[in-house]
Protein backbone atom coordinates (compact mmCIF):
# COMPACT_ATOMS: atom_id res chain seq x y z
CA MET A 1 189.61 37.64 24.96
CA LEU A 2 189.99 33.96 25.87
CA LEU A 3 188.29 34.62 29.22
CA LEU A 4 185.25 36.10 27.47
CA ILE A 5 185.04 33.17 25.06
CA CYS A 6 185.22 30.64 27.91
CA ILE A 7 182.64 32.40 30.08
CA HIS A 8 180.17 32.90 27.23
CA CYS A 9 180.16 29.14 26.57
CA LEU A 10 178.49 28.39 29.91
CA PRO A 11 174.92 29.73 29.50
CA ALA A 12 174.33 27.71 26.35
CA LEU A 13 175.93 24.62 27.87
CA SER A 14 173.77 24.55 30.98
CA GLN A 15 170.43 24.28 29.13
CA SER A 16 170.62 20.52 28.56
CA LEU A 17 172.97 17.92 30.04
CA LYS A 18 173.43 14.30 28.99
CA GLU A 19 173.52 11.41 31.44
CA VAL A 20 176.95 9.91 32.06
CA ALA A 21 177.31 6.23 32.88
CA LEU A 22 178.56 5.68 36.43
CA THR A 23 181.98 4.13 36.85
CA LYS A 24 182.50 0.82 38.63
CA GLU A 25 183.94 2.70 41.61
CA GLU A 26 180.95 5.06 41.77
CA LYS A 27 178.53 2.13 41.71
CA GLN A 28 180.43 0.39 44.50
CA ALA A 29 180.43 3.55 46.64
CA ASP A 30 176.62 3.55 46.29
CA SER A 31 176.21 7.25 47.05
CA LEU A 32 175.89 8.81 43.57
CA LEU A 33 172.46 8.43 41.95
CA SER A 34 173.20 10.04 38.59
CA HIS A 35 175.69 12.22 36.77
CA TYR A 36 174.89 14.64 33.93
CA GLN A 37 177.40 16.57 31.84
CA VAL A 38 177.86 18.59 28.66
CA PHE A 39 180.93 20.01 26.92
CA SER A 40 181.22 22.94 24.54
CA ASP A 41 182.02 22.10 20.91
CA ASP A 42 185.58 23.34 21.37
CA SER A 43 185.94 21.58 24.77
CA LEU A 44 186.84 24.90 26.43
CA ALA A 45 183.98 24.63 28.92
CA SER A 46 181.85 22.03 30.64
CA VAL A 47 178.92 21.80 33.03
CA SER A 48 178.42 18.84 35.37
CA LEU A 49 175.57 17.97 37.72
CA TYR A 50 175.88 15.21 40.33
CA LEU A 51 172.73 14.02 42.11
CA TYR A 52 173.38 12.00 45.26
CA LYS A 53 171.07 9.39 46.78
CA HIS A 54 170.85 11.20 50.12
CA GLY A 55 169.26 14.22 48.43
CA THR A 56 172.23 16.54 47.86
CA PHE A 57 173.77 17.77 44.61
CA GLU A 58 176.96 19.29 43.27
CA TYR A 59 176.86 21.55 40.21
CA GLN A 60 180.12 22.47 38.50
CA ASN A 61 180.98 25.08 35.87
CA ALA A 62 184.45 24.66 34.42
CA THR A 63 186.17 26.55 31.61
CA CYS A 64 189.70 26.55 30.31
CA ILE A 65 190.71 29.04 33.01
CA THR A 66 187.92 29.16 35.65
CA TYR A 67 186.10 26.80 37.99
CA ARG A 68 182.93 27.49 39.98
CA PHE A 69 180.58 25.20 41.85
CA SER A 70 177.47 24.96 43.98
CA THR A 71 176.20 22.40 46.46
CA GLY A 72 172.81 21.96 48.03
CA ILE A 73 169.57 19.97 48.21
CA TRP A 74 167.62 18.51 45.30
CA THR A 75 163.98 17.43 45.34
CA LYS A 76 161.90 15.60 42.75
CA LYS A 77 158.23 16.02 41.83
CA GLY A 78 157.14 14.01 38.85
CA SER A 79 159.81 14.53 36.19
CA ILE A 80 160.97 17.87 37.64
CA ILE A 81 164.16 18.19 39.70
CA THR A 82 164.50 21.36 41.80
CA LEU A 83 167.89 22.57 43.04
CA ASN A 84 168.51 24.85 46.02
CA SER A 85 172.00 25.66 47.26
CA PHE A 86 173.02 25.33 50.89
CA ILE A 87 174.07 28.99 51.00
CA GLN A 88 172.19 31.82 49.29
CA LYS A 89 173.54 35.32 48.68
CA ASP A 90 171.43 36.76 51.51
CA GLN A 91 171.80 33.85 53.94
CA LEU A 92 175.47 33.81 54.91
CA PRO A 93 175.59 31.75 58.14
CA ILE A 94 177.33 33.58 61.00
CA SER A 95 177.66 33.46 64.76
CA ILE A 96 179.33 35.78 67.28
CA ASN A 97 182.26 35.31 69.61
CA TYR A 98 182.65 37.83 72.44
CA ILE A 99 186.11 38.95 73.46
CA LYS A 100 186.32 40.36 76.99
CA THR A 101 187.99 43.74 77.30
CA ASP A 102 189.42 45.62 80.28
CA SER A 103 188.58 49.00 78.74
CA VAL A 104 186.04 50.27 81.24
CA GLY A 105 183.46 52.66 79.86
CA GLN A 106 184.49 52.25 76.23
CA LYS A 107 181.89 51.11 73.68
CA ASN A 108 182.40 47.68 72.21
CA LYS A 109 183.68 47.24 68.66
CA VAL A 110 183.89 44.67 65.90
CA LEU A 111 187.18 42.80 65.59
CA VAL A 112 188.40 40.66 62.69
CA GLY A 113 186.19 37.84 61.47
CA ARG A 114 186.98 34.17 61.94
CA SER A 115 186.38 30.94 60.09
CA PRO A 116 184.89 27.94 61.96
CA THR A 117 188.44 26.66 62.45
CA GLY A 118 189.75 29.98 63.79
CA GLU A 119 191.50 31.49 60.77
CA ARG A 120 191.34 35.28 60.51
CA ILE A 121 189.01 36.75 57.88
CA THR A 122 189.62 40.43 57.18
CA ALA A 123 187.69 40.87 53.91
CA LEU A 124 184.51 41.76 55.80
CA VAL A 125 182.24 44.76 55.96
CA VAL A 126 180.12 44.73 59.11
CA TYR A 127 176.98 46.82 59.39
CA MET A 128 176.00 47.78 62.92
CA ASN A 129 172.46 48.57 64.08
CA ASN A 130 171.35 49.96 60.70
CA ASP A 131 172.24 50.26 57.01
CA SER A 132 174.08 53.57 57.54
CA THR A 133 176.70 52.45 60.07
CA SER A 134 179.47 50.11 58.94
CA CYS A 135 183.14 49.28 59.31
CA ILE A 136 185.69 47.40 57.23
CA VAL A 137 187.07 45.04 59.84
CA GLY A 138 190.78 45.23 60.55
CA THR A 139 190.94 48.83 59.29
CA PRO A 140 190.08 52.26 60.73
CA PHE A 141 187.54 52.87 57.93
CA CYS A 142 184.01 53.32 59.28
CA ASN A 143 180.84 55.13 58.28
CA GLY A 144 178.42 56.51 60.83
CA SER A 145 178.58 56.27 64.60
CA TYR A 146 176.97 54.32 67.42
CA ASP A 147 176.71 54.28 71.21
CA TYR A 148 176.60 50.49 71.45
CA ILE A 149 176.16 47.60 69.03
CA ASP A 150 172.67 46.13 69.12
CA SER A 151 172.92 43.94 66.00
CA ILE A 152 175.23 43.23 63.08
CA ARG A 153 175.02 42.14 59.46
CA VAL A 154 178.15 40.78 57.75
CA HIS A 155 179.03 41.29 54.07
CA LEU A 156 181.67 39.36 52.14
CA ASP A 157 183.23 39.95 48.75
CA GLY A 158 181.14 38.37 46.02
CA GLY A 159 177.82 39.71 47.30
CA PHE A 160 177.24 37.25 50.15
CA HIS A 161 175.77 38.70 53.34
CA SER A 162 174.12 37.48 56.51
CA GLN A 163 170.79 38.39 58.00
CA TRP A 164 170.78 40.77 60.95
CA ILE A 165 171.83 39.00 64.13
CA LYS A 166 171.26 40.40 67.63
CA THR A 167 174.24 40.96 69.92
CA GLU A 168 174.43 40.73 73.71
CA ARG A 169 175.36 43.93 75.50
CA ASN A 170 178.26 44.10 77.95
CA ARG A 171 179.76 40.83 76.73
CA GLY A 172 182.82 42.51 75.17
CA ASP A 173 184.11 43.15 71.68
CA ILE A 174 182.49 41.30 68.80
CA GLU A 175 184.18 38.75 66.57
CA PRO A 176 181.95 37.53 63.70
CA VAL A 177 182.40 33.86 62.78
CA ILE A 178 181.55 32.75 59.24
CA GLN A 179 179.94 29.37 59.80
CA THR A 180 180.97 27.59 56.63
CA THR A 181 184.15 26.05 55.23
CA ILE A 182 182.87 26.31 51.64
CA PRO A 183 185.29 28.40 49.51
CA LEU A 184 182.79 31.13 48.66
CA GLU A 185 185.13 32.82 46.18
CA LYS A 186 184.36 29.90 43.82
CA TYR A 187 180.79 29.29 44.95
CA PHE A 188 177.62 30.45 43.23
CA PRO A 189 174.13 30.07 44.72
CA ILE A 190 171.27 28.29 42.96
CA ARG A 191 167.71 29.05 44.04
CA ASN A 192 164.69 27.09 42.84
CA GLU A 193 166.40 26.08 39.60
CA GLN A 194 164.34 23.41 37.84
CA TYR A 195 165.34 20.66 35.40
CA ARG A 196 163.16 18.18 33.57
CA LEU A 197 164.26 14.55 33.46
CA GLY A 198 164.22 13.05 29.99
CA ASN A 199 165.60 10.04 28.17
CA LYS A 200 169.27 9.92 29.23
CA GLN A 201 169.35 13.69 29.73
CA ILE A 202 168.18 16.53 31.94
CA SER A 203 167.00 19.92 30.60
CA ARG A 204 166.57 23.24 32.33
CA VAL A 205 162.99 24.44 32.67
CA LYS A 206 162.69 27.98 31.33
CA LYS A 207 161.18 30.46 33.78
C-alpha cells in the first residue's frame, strides 16, 4: 500500500518545479546552471531537475522507497526547455566482441553479454537475423533456428533494446557488449519532454 501511495505522488509532482537557490559550493564549481525541485505535501516523494551549463541534465524521481533517474541533453528555444535522455528504450548502445573457436564446421553462437568494463551480463535476450529467432544468453533456451548469424538485436529487462547490428561471418562466437555504465534498472528515458521557464519555476508543457 505504501508503495502505491509513493508512486502515485510522482505524476502530480512533476508538473511544476520551483527553482532552488544554488549553494556556495555549487556556485564555486561553476558547472550547474539551475536546480528545480518539488516535494509532495507529505514529503514522501520528490522530483528534482538539474540543468548544467554544458547542456546536460539530470532528472530524479525519489519516493520513500524508490529512486529513479534520467540523464541527457537539454536545449532551449525561447522560454521552452526540451529534454532528451542519452539512452532511449529502442536505442540501447551495443557493440560485438568475437571469440575465436576451434570447433570446425559448427555454426557460431551468442555467448554471455559484457559490460564496457568486462563484467558478465546474463539477463539478455538476443534476437538473431529476425524477430522469430532468439536465445536467452547463458541458458539453453532458444526459439527458432539459424544456419549462421547475420545480425543481432539485444533486449534487456526493463524494455531497453538495441537496433539491429550486422555481424561479421567466420569471426567466431558472438559476445554482445552493452556500451553504457548507466544503471539501467533505475533509469527511465525522457524523449522530447518540454518545460516552460517561468518566474522562479519551471512547468511541464502539456502535449
